[in-house]
Amino acid sequence: MKEFLPVLKKSPLFSGIEEAEIEAMTGCLGAETRTYQKDELVYRFGDTVESVGLVLTGKVYIVREDFWGNRNLVSVAEPGQTFAESYACTATPLGVAVLAGEKTQVAFFRVRRVLTTCPNACSFHARLVRNLLSTLAEKNLLMNEKLTHVTQRTLREKLLSYLSSESARAGAASFEIPFNRQQLADYLSADRSALSAELSRMRGEGLIEFEKNSFRLL
């Protein structure tokens, strides 16, 4: 895990914890590292998990599919970001699947060792618990934000809501989104062709400029 210390240090899960402490902590938390190829499943729908996943390289997609295979993209986790926290904490079977968006390395931390008192009385353990709670709260806010986007009445309103929030997050009119067209359509619960056509109309009307996943609000 030593080679990934820069990524771990920048992760919200280890915020405020020094590198030397993180290195000691990985053993205390039963850390395991695994590598996945593009489109390989990290977790399946219905799995019961005991570990929080943290992306070291690459990225993972958290997706939900219905009986007919229609996919809804819930979120994406990139280096330093975590996934499956709520399910690991509650031992609830996964209502989503997690798959690698490209070749990806993931560190897994046993959540029971995060939530219970460390036998070594680690001074940084309380900080880790606070960080986990903050991460869960942030994920909840992001889900509420997504709900705001997908409940807009029209596809244009969904796009404007999403792009406005990404612009605000970047603090600029120009920004990049983490999705390609199909993933954006899945995220907004829209048809890809209809979404691409609407983006083209919005560009023609002078509302936006874009090139692949780079956007600029006008």
Protein backbone atom coordinates (compact mmCIF):
# COMPACT_ATOMS: atom_id res chain seq x y z
CA MET A 1 0.00 0.00 0.00
CA LYS A 2 2.98 2.32 0.42
CA GLU A 3 3.01 3.23 -3.28
CA PHE A 4 -0.58 4.48 -2.97
CA LEU A 5 0.01 6.72 0.07
CA PRO A 6 -0.33 9.96 -1.97
CA VAL A 7 -3.78 8.84 -3.15
CA LEU A 8 -4.85 7.73 0.33
CA LYS A 9 -3.67 10.99 1.88
CA LYS A 10 -5.83 13.00 -0.55
CA SER A 11 -8.87 10.82 0.10
CA PRO A 12 -11.64 12.32 2.27
CA LEU A 13 -11.61 9.07 4.25
CA PHE A 14 -8.09 9.84 5.52
CA SER A 15 -8.42 13.62 5.75
CA GLY A 16 -6.30 15.09 8.54
CA ILE A 17 -4.31 11.88 9.04
CA GLU A 18 -0.56 11.89 8.39
CA GLU A 19 1.14 9.53 5.93
CA ALA A 20 2.95 7.62 8.68
CA GLU A 21 -0.35 7.09 10.48
CA ILE A 22 -2.10 6.00 7.28
CA GLU A 23 0.63 3.46 6.61
CA ALA A 24 0.19 1.99 10.09
CA MET A 25 -3.58 2.13 9.76
CA THR A 26 -3.81 0.06 6.56
CA GLY A 27 -2.71 -3.04 8.44
CA CYS A 28 -5.00 -2.22 11.35
CA LEU A 29 -7.97 -2.00 8.97
CA GLY A 30 -7.18 -5.26 7.17
CA ALA A 31 -6.53 -3.49 3.86
CA GLU A 32 -6.56 -5.61 0.70
CA THR A 33 -5.74 -4.42 -2.82
CA ARG A 34 -7.30 -5.90 -5.96
CA THR A 35 -7.08 -5.11 -9.67
CA TYR A 36 -10.04 -5.20 -12.08
CA GLN A 37 -10.20 -4.99 -15.86
CA LYS A 38 -12.62 -2.71 -17.73
CA ASP A 39 -16.27 -3.76 -17.28
CA GLU A 40 -15.32 -6.37 -14.66
CA LEU A 41 -17.70 -6.54 -11.72
CA VAL A 42 -16.33 -5.40 -8.38
CA TYR A 43 -19.58 -6.11 -6.53
CA ARG A 44 -22.74 -7.78 -7.84
CA PHE A 45 -26.32 -6.77 -7.14
CA GLY A 46 -27.42 -8.61 -3.99
CA ASP A 47 -23.92 -9.11 -2.56
CA THR A 48 -23.51 -8.57 1.16
CA VAL A 49 -20.30 -6.64 1.74
CA GLU A 50 -18.14 -6.03 4.79
CA SER A 51 -15.59 -3.65 3.27
CA VAL A 52 -15.50 -0.07 2.11
CA GLY A 53 -13.89 0.22 -1.33
CA LEU A 54 -11.46 3.03 -2.13
CA VAL A 55 -10.36 3.61 -5.73
CA LEU A 56 -6.57 3.80 -6.09
CA THR A 57 -6.34 4.01 -9.89
CA GLY A 58 -8.94 4.05 -12.66
CA LYS A 59 -12.62 4.44 -11.74
CA VAL A 60 -15.73 2.45 -10.90
CA TYR A 61 -19.36 2.97 -11.83
CA ILE A 62 -22.19 2.33 -9.40
CA VAL A 63 -25.16 1.21 -11.48
CA ARG A 64 -28.69 -0.06 -10.97
CA GLU A 65 -30.45 -2.25 -13.54
CA ASP A 66 -34.10 -3.26 -13.69
CA PHE A 67 -35.50 -6.67 -14.66
CA TRP A 68 -35.28 -5.80 -18.38
CA GLY A 69 -31.68 -4.64 -18.26
CA ASN A 70 -32.34 -0.89 -18.36
CA ARG A 71 -29.37 0.72 -16.65
CA ASN A 72 -29.36 3.74 -14.36
CA LEU A 73 -25.96 5.18 -13.52
CA VAL A 74 -26.07 6.14 -9.87
CA SER A 75 -22.57 7.60 -9.48
CA VAL A 76 -18.90 7.26 -10.33
CA ALA A 77 -15.94 6.88 -7.95
CA GLU A 78 -12.45 7.99 -9.04
CA PRO A 79 -9.03 7.82 -7.30
CA GLY A 80 -9.32 8.72 -3.62
CA GLN A 81 -13.10 8.24 -3.57
CA THR A 82 -14.94 5.47 -1.75
CA PHE A 83 -17.96 3.31 -2.48
CA ALA A 84 -20.31 0.82 -0.75
CA GLU A 85 -19.97 2.58 2.62
CA SER A 86 -23.67 2.47 3.54
CA TYR A 87 -24.05 -1.18 2.55
CA ALA A 88 -20.91 -2.20 4.46
CA CYS A 89 -22.01 -0.35 7.60
CA THR A 90 -25.50 -1.86 7.63
CA ALA A 91 -24.78 -5.32 6.15
CA THR A 92 -27.67 -4.68 3.75
CA PRO A 93 -27.51 -6.63 0.45
CA LEU A 94 -26.38 -4.38 -2.39
CA GLY A 95 -29.17 -2.73 -4.33
CA VAL A 96 -26.64 -1.74 -6.99
CA ALA A 97 -23.73 -3.26 -8.89
CA VAL A 98 -20.21 -1.85 -9.03
CA LEU A 99 -18.07 -2.30 -12.14
CA ALA A 100 -14.72 -1.04 -13.33
CA GLY A 101 -14.87 1.73 -15.92
CA GLU A 102 -11.31 0.93 -17.01
CA LYS A 103 -8.39 -1.01 -15.57
CA THR A 104 -8.80 -0.18 -11.89
CA GLN A 105 -7.10 -0.87 -8.58
CA VAL A 106 -9.19 -0.82 -5.42
CA ALA A 107 -8.26 -0.97 -1.74
CA PHE A 108 -10.79 -2.60 0.59
CA PHE A 109 -11.01 -1.72 4.29
CA ARG A 110 -12.97 -3.84 6.76
CA VAL A 111 -15.66 -1.51 8.02
CA ARG A 112 -16.05 -3.40 11.31
CA ARG A 113 -12.48 -2.38 12.16
CA VAL A 114 -13.37 1.24 11.41
CA LEU A 115 -16.49 1.30 13.58
CA THR A 116 -15.13 -0.58 16.60
CA THR A 117 -12.44 0.46 19.05
CA CYS A 118 -9.00 -0.31 17.72
CA PRO A 119 -7.17 -2.88 19.92
CA ASN A 120 -3.99 -0.86 19.41
CA ALA A 121 -5.71 2.32 20.68
CA CYS A 122 -4.80 4.26 17.53
CA SER A 123 -4.89 7.99 18.21
CA PHE A 124 -6.24 8.63 14.72
CA HIS A 125 -9.15 6.17 14.93
CA ALA A 126 -11.72 8.74 16.08
CA ARG A 127 -10.72 10.97 13.18
CA LEU A 128 -11.29 8.11 10.74
CA VAL A 129 -14.80 7.52 12.11
CA ARG A 130 -15.61 11.23 11.71
CA ASN A 131 -14.30 11.13 8.13
CA LEU A 132 -16.48 8.11 7.34
CA LEU A 133 -19.56 9.87 8.71
CA SER A 134 -18.72 12.98 6.66
CA THR A 135 -18.34 10.82 3.54
CA LEU A 136 -21.73 9.20 4.12
CA ALA A 137 -23.33 12.61 4.61
CA GLU A 138 -21.76 13.93 1.41
CA LYS A 139 -22.98 10.90 -0.57
CA ASN A 140 -26.48 11.57 0.76
CA LEU A 141 -26.32 15.16 -0.46
CA LEU A 142 -25.13 14.02 -3.89
CA MET A 143 -28.05 11.60 -4.15
CA ASN A 144 -30.44 14.41 -3.28
CA GLU A 145 -28.76 16.52 -5.98
CA LYS A 146 -29.26 13.77 -8.54
CA LEU A 147 -32.92 13.50 -7.52
CA THR A 148 -33.24 17.22 -8.26
CA HIS A 149 -31.89 16.67 -11.78
CA VAL A 150 -33.93 13.61 -12.76
CA THR A 151 -37.23 14.98 -11.45
CA GLN A 152 -37.12 17.99 -13.78
CA ARG A 153 -40.04 17.96 -16.22
CA THR A 154 -38.16 18.01 -19.53
CA LEU A 155 -34.87 16.64 -20.82
CA ARG A 156 -33.58 20.17 -21.35
CA GLU A 157 -34.38 21.06 -17.76
CA LYS A 158 -32.58 17.91 -16.58
CA LEU A 159 -29.50 18.88 -18.59
CA LEU A 160 -29.54 22.50 -17.43
CA SER A 161 -29.93 21.41 -13.81
CA TYR A 162 -27.04 18.96 -14.07
CA LEU A 163 -24.69 21.24 -16.04
CA SER A 164 -25.42 24.17 -13.71
CA SER A 165 -24.49 22.10 -10.67
CA GLU A 166 -21.27 20.88 -12.33
CA SER A 167 -20.37 24.47 -13.20
CA ALA A 168 -20.99 25.54 -9.60
CA ARG A 169 -18.88 22.63 -8.33
CA ALA A 170 -16.01 23.64 -10.64
CA GLY A 171 -16.43 27.31 -9.79
CA ALA A 172 -16.26 28.18 -13.50
CA ALA A 173 -18.35 28.29 -16.66
CA SER A 174 -15.98 25.76 -18.27
CA PHE A 175 -15.67 22.29 -16.76
CA GLU A 176 -15.45 18.58 -17.50
CA ILE A 177 -18.00 15.96 -16.55
CA PRO A 178 -17.07 12.36 -15.60
CA PHE A 179 -19.49 10.76 -18.10
CA ASN A 180 -19.58 9.97 -21.81
CA ARG A 181 -22.91 10.41 -23.63
CA GLN A 182 -24.32 6.99 -22.77
CA GLN A 183 -23.33 7.35 -19.13
CA LEU A 184 -24.82 10.84 -18.93
CA ALA A 185 -28.05 9.49 -20.42
CA ASP A 186 -28.05 6.67 -17.87
CA TYR A 187 -27.37 9.13 -15.05
CA LEU A 188 -30.26 11.38 -16.07
CA SER A 189 -32.59 8.46 -16.91
CA ALA A 190 -32.84 9.59 -20.53
CA ASP A 191 -32.53 8.11 -24.01
CA ARG A 192 -29.03 8.61 -25.44
CA SER A 193 -30.20 9.72 -28.90
CA ALA A 194 -32.68 12.18 -27.43
CA LEU A 195 -30.02 13.54 -25.07
CA SER A 196 -27.48 14.02 -27.88
CA ALA A 197 -30.10 15.77 -30.02
CA GLU A 198 -31.05 18.08 -27.14
CA LEU A 199 -27.43 18.97 -26.49
CA SER A 200 -27.02 19.84 -30.17
CA ARG A 201 -30.10 22.07 -30.05
CA MET A 202 -28.82 23.81 -26.93
CA ARG A 203 -25.49 24.44 -28.66
CA GLY A 204 -27.29 25.77 -31.74
CA GLU A 205 -29.27 28.17 -29.55
CA GLY A 206 -26.07 29.49 -27.96
CA LEU A 207 -26.71 28.08 -24.49
CA ILE A 208 -23.64 25.83 -24.29
CA GLU A 209 -20.48 24.77 -26.05
CA PHE A 210 -19.04 21.28 -25.70
CA GLU A 211 -16.41 18.88 -27.00
CA LYS A 212 -16.81 15.31 -25.75
CA ASN A 213 -17.05 15.65 -21.96
CA SER A 214 -15.79 19.27 -21.80
CA PHE A 215 -18.57 21.85 -21.47
CA ARG A 216 -18.87 25.63 -21.33
CA LEU A 217 -22.01 27.46 -20.27
CA LEU A 218 -22.71 30.63 -22.25
